[in-house]
Amino acid sequence: MNLNQVTLPVTNMNEAVEFYQLLGFTLIVDTPHYARFECPEGSSTFSLSHETDAFNNGATIYFEHEDLEAWVTELTDKGVCFTQMPTLERYLWKEAVLHDPSGNQIKLYWAGENRLNPPWRVN
């Protein structure tokens, strides 16, 4: 089994598409109600679904980048606002936190070996 994608709800599709393209993702499907992106590395994708009703999305989407500090600096220079700059968390992941224009929480992170093999991994 392999995870295909995660879909986030958005209130303004055009604004959301521009935001994710600014982060560096490649748009591969573009409709008024649905957009899908490829990640810059690997074969992962994620999508956006236009929602007209109010929503409260409690999910967090994580995007990993080995040179997290440089990526955050590049995005900050482009005007992206972060609610948390890269911080080493107690679970050994360095994370920066931001929100997309629809309020979805995004974490940019680097975990290295701890991503799949933390010291407390269950055998």
C-alpha atoms as a PDB file:
ATOM      1  CA  MET A   1       0.000   0.000   0.000  1.00  0.00           C
ATOM      2  CA  ASN A   2       1.182   3.525  -0.783  1.00  0.00           C
ATOM      3  CA  LEU A   3      -0.339   6.875   0.174  1.00  0.00           C
ATOM      4  CA  ASN A   4      -1.618   8.542  -2.986  1.00  0.00           C
ATOM      5  CA  GLN A   5      -2.342  12.085  -1.872  1.00  0.00           C
ATOM      6  CA  VAL A   6      -3.826  14.410   0.724  1.00  0.00           C
ATOM      7  CA  THR A   7      -6.535  16.893  -0.279  1.00  0.00           C
ATOM      8  CA  LEU A   8      -6.921  20.215   1.529  1.00  0.00           C
ATOM      9  CA  PRO A   9     -10.055  22.367   1.504  1.00  0.00           C
ATOM     10  CA  VAL A  10      -9.616  25.955   0.291  1.00  0.00           C
ATOM     11  CA  THR A  11     -11.901  28.979   0.072  1.00  0.00           C
ATOM     12  CA  ASN A  12     -10.221  30.716  -2.885  1.00  0.00           C
ATOM     13  CA  MET A  13      -8.764  28.367  -5.489  1.00  0.00           C
ATOM     14  CA  ASN A  14      -6.770  30.982  -7.433  1.00  0.00           C
ATOM     15  CA  GLU A  15      -5.156  32.368  -4.281  1.00  0.00           C
ATOM     16  CA  ALA A  16      -4.384  28.869  -2.994  1.00  0.00           C
ATOM     17  CA  VAL A  17      -2.858  27.726  -6.301  1.00  0.00           C
ATOM     18  CA  GLU A  18      -0.591  30.801  -6.382  1.00  0.00           C
ATOM     19  CA  PHE A  19       0.466  30.169  -2.766  1.00  0.00           C
ATOM     20  CA  TYR A  20       1.483  26.542  -3.369  1.00  0.00           C
ATOM     21  CA  GLN A  21       3.276  27.450  -6.579  1.00  0.00           C
ATOM     22  CA  LEU A  22       5.192  30.082  -4.574  1.00  0.00           C
ATOM     23  CA  LEU A  23       6.245  27.285  -2.208  1.00  0.00           C
ATOM     24  CA  GLY A  24       7.699  25.452  -5.221  1.00  0.00           C
ATOM     25  CA  PHE A  25       5.093  22.841  -6.122  1.00  0.00           C
ATOM     26  CA  THR A  26       4.226  21.999  -9.760  1.00  0.00           C
ATOM     27  CA  LEU A  27       0.586  22.353 -10.767  1.00  0.00           C
ATOM     28  CA  ILE A  28      -0.570  19.270 -12.731  1.00  0.00           C
ATOM     29  CA  VAL A  29      -4.391  19.613 -12.569  1.00  0.00           C
ATOM     30  CA  ASP A  30      -6.114  23.004 -12.666  1.00  0.00           C
ATOM     31  CA  THR A  31      -9.904  23.363 -12.540  1.00  0.00           C
ATOM     32  CA  PRO A  32     -12.125  25.913 -10.771  1.00  0.00           C
ATOM     33  CA  HIS A  33     -12.988  23.361  -8.057  1.00  0.00           C
ATOM     34  CA  TYR A  34      -9.881  21.134  -7.874  1.00  0.00           C
ATOM     35  CA  ALA A  35      -6.121  21.492  -8.244  1.00  0.00           C
ATOM     36  CA  ARG A  36      -3.357  18.936  -7.861  1.00  0.00           C
ATOM     37  CA  PHE A  37       0.385  19.405  -7.412  1.00  0.00           C
ATOM     38  CA  GLU A  38       3.546  17.343  -7.676  1.00  0.00           C
ATOM     39  CA  CYS A  39       6.201  17.784  -5.039  1.00  0.00           C
ATOM     40  CA  PRO A  40       9.599  18.980  -6.324  1.00  0.00           C
ATOM     41  CA  GLU A  41      11.217  15.668  -5.324  1.00  0.00           C
ATOM     42  CA  GLY A  42       9.899  12.118  -5.326  1.00  0.00           C
ATOM     43  CA  SER A  43       6.498  11.029  -6.594  1.00  0.00           C
ATOM     44  CA  SER A  44       4.219  12.518  -3.937  1.00  0.00           C
ATOM     45  CA  THR A  45       1.259  14.701  -4.852  1.00  0.00           C
ATOM     46  CA  PHE A  46      -1.351  16.673  -2.966  1.00  0.00           C
ATOM     47  CA  SER A  47      -4.515  18.434  -4.013  1.00  0.00           C
ATOM     48  CA  LEU A  48      -6.873  21.273  -3.190  1.00  0.00           C
ATOM     49  CA  SER A  49     -10.654  21.166  -3.226  1.00  0.00           C
ATOM     50  CA  HIS A  50     -12.709  24.358  -3.415  1.00  0.00           C
ATOM     51  CA  GLU A  51     -15.192  24.557  -0.536  1.00  0.00           C
ATOM     52  CA  THR A  52     -18.070  27.037  -0.442  1.00  0.00           C
ATOM     53  CA  ASP A  53     -19.294  26.035   3.031  1.00  0.00           C
ATOM     54  CA  ALA A  54     -17.447  27.041   6.185  1.00  0.00           C
ATOM     55  CA  PHE A  55     -14.907  24.457   7.326  1.00  0.00           C
ATOM     56  CA  ASN A  56     -12.481  23.917  10.163  1.00  0.00           C
ATOM     57  CA  ASN A  57      -9.655  21.703   8.958  1.00  0.00           C
ATOM     58  CA  GLY A  58      -7.713  20.377  11.920  1.00  0.00           C
ATOM     59  CA  ALA A  59      -5.200  18.512   9.749  1.00  0.00           C
ATOM     60  CA  THR A  60      -1.570  19.502   9.326  1.00  0.00           C
ATOM     61  CA  ILE A  61       0.339  18.761   6.132  1.00  0.00           C
ATOM     62  CA  TYR A  62       4.115  18.252   6.339  1.00  0.00           C
ATOM     63  CA  PHE A  63       6.599  18.940   3.563  1.00  0.00           C
ATOM     64  CA  GLU A  64      10.180  17.750   4.106  1.00  0.00           C
ATOM     65  CA  HIS A  65      13.286  19.508   2.823  1.00  0.00           C
ATOM     66  CA  GLU A  66      16.863  18.657   3.703  1.00  0.00           C
ATOM     67  CA  ASP A  67      17.986  22.305   3.613  1.00  0.00           C
ATOM     68  CA  LEU A  68      15.086  23.601   5.695  1.00  0.00           C
ATOM     69  CA  GLU A  69      16.797  26.804   6.855  1.00  0.00           C
ATOM     70  CA  ALA A  70      17.608  27.910   3.296  1.00  0.00           C
ATOM     71  CA  TRP A  71      14.092  27.049   2.087  1.00  0.00           C
ATOM     72  CA  VAL A  72      12.484  29.085   4.879  1.00  0.00           C
ATOM     73  CA  THR A  73      14.826  32.015   4.171  1.00  0.00           C
ATOM     74  CA  GLU A  74      13.979  31.854   0.450  1.00  0.00           C
ATOM     75  CA  LEU A  75      10.236  31.800   1.187  1.00  0.00           C
ATOM     76  CA  THR A  76      10.504  34.615   3.746  1.00  0.00           C
ATOM     77  CA  ASP A  77      12.310  36.702   1.127  1.00  0.00           C
ATOM     78  CA  LYS A  78       9.339  36.042  -1.201  1.00  0.00           C
ATOM     79  CA  GLY A  79       6.927  37.372   1.444  1.00  0.00           C
ATOM     80  CA  VAL A  80       5.723  34.122   3.007  1.00  0.00           C
ATOM     81  CA  CYS A  81       4.865  34.637   6.697  1.00  0.00           C
ATOM     82  CA  PHE A  82       5.674  31.973   9.275  1.00  0.00           C
ATOM     83  CA  THR A  83       4.067  31.547  12.686  1.00  0.00           C
ATOM     84  CA  GLN A  84       7.141  29.584  13.824  1.00  0.00           C
ATOM     85  CA  MET A  85      10.615  29.734  12.366  1.00  0.00           C
ATOM     86  CA  PRO A  86      12.643  26.483  12.210  1.00  0.00           C
ATOM     87  CA  THR A  87      12.691  25.029  15.712  1.00  0.00           C
ATOM     88  CA  LEU A  88      14.066  21.695  16.910  1.00  0.00           C
ATOM     89  CA  GLU A  89      11.110  19.932  18.521  1.00  0.00           C
ATOM     90  CA  ARG A  90      11.266  17.424  21.385  1.00  0.00           C
ATOM     91  CA  TYR A  91      10.520  14.615  18.898  1.00  0.00           C
ATOM     92  CA  LEU A  92      13.751  15.495  17.018  1.00  0.00           C
ATOM     93  CA  TRP A  93      12.199  17.136  13.942  1.00  0.00           C
ATOM     94  CA  LYS A  94      13.150  20.695  13.006  1.00  0.00           C
ATOM     95  CA  GLU A  95       9.933  22.436  11.978  1.00  0.00           C
ATOM     96  CA  ALA A  96       8.751  25.773  10.626  1.00  0.00           C
ATOM     97  CA  VAL A  97       5.011  26.517  10.722  1.00  0.00           C
ATOM     98  CA  LEU A  98       2.866  28.588   8.367  1.00  0.00           C
ATOM     99  CA  HIS A  99      -0.734  28.687   7.153  1.00  0.00           C
ATOM    100  CA  ASP A 100      -2.051  28.779   3.619  1.00  0.00           C
ATOM    101  CA  PRO A 101      -4.528  31.511   2.585  1.00  0.00           C
ATOM    102  CA  SER A 102      -7.457  29.301   3.703  1.00  0.00           C
ATOM    103  CA  GLY A 103      -5.973  28.733   7.167  1.00  0.00           C
ATOM    104  CA  ASN A 104      -4.672  25.171   6.627  1.00  0.00           C
ATOM    105  CA  GLN A 105      -1.638  24.527   8.817  1.00  0.00           C
ATOM    106  CA  ILE A 106       1.567  23.639   6.959  1.00  0.00           C
ATOM    107  CA  LYS A 107       4.776  22.409   8.550  1.00  0.00           C
ATOM    108  CA  LEU A 108       8.023  22.533   6.628  1.00  0.00           C
ATOM    109  CA  TYR A 109      10.491  20.242   8.323  1.00  0.00           C
ATOM    110  CA  TRP A 110      13.629  18.172   8.297  1.00  0.00           C
ATOM    111  CA  ALA A 111      13.868  15.015  10.378  1.00  0.00           C
ATOM    112  CA  GLY A 112      16.636  13.050   8.695  1.00  0.00           C
ATOM    113  CA  GLU A 113      16.953   9.542  10.081  1.00  0.00           C
ATOM    114  CA  ASN A 114      14.406  10.370  12.806  1.00  0.00           C
ATOM    115  CA  ARG A 115      11.616  10.608  10.214  1.00  0.00           C
ATOM    116  CA  LEU A 116      11.208   6.833  10.043  1.00  0.00           C
ATOM    117  CA  ASN A 117      13.626   5.640  12.727  1.00  0.00           C
ATOM    118  CA  PRO A 118      13.313   7.745  15.878  1.00  0.00           C
ATOM    119  CA  PRO A 119      15.050   6.405  19.011  1.00  0.00           C
ATOM    120  CA  TRP A 120      11.633   5.318  20.357  1.00  0.00           C
ATOM    121  CA  ARG A 121      10.534   3.424  17.241  1.00  0.00           C
ATOM    122  CA  VAL A 122       8.492   0.318  18.031  1.00  0.00           C
ATOM    123  CA  ASN A 123      10.118  -2.934  16.902  1.00  0.00           C
END
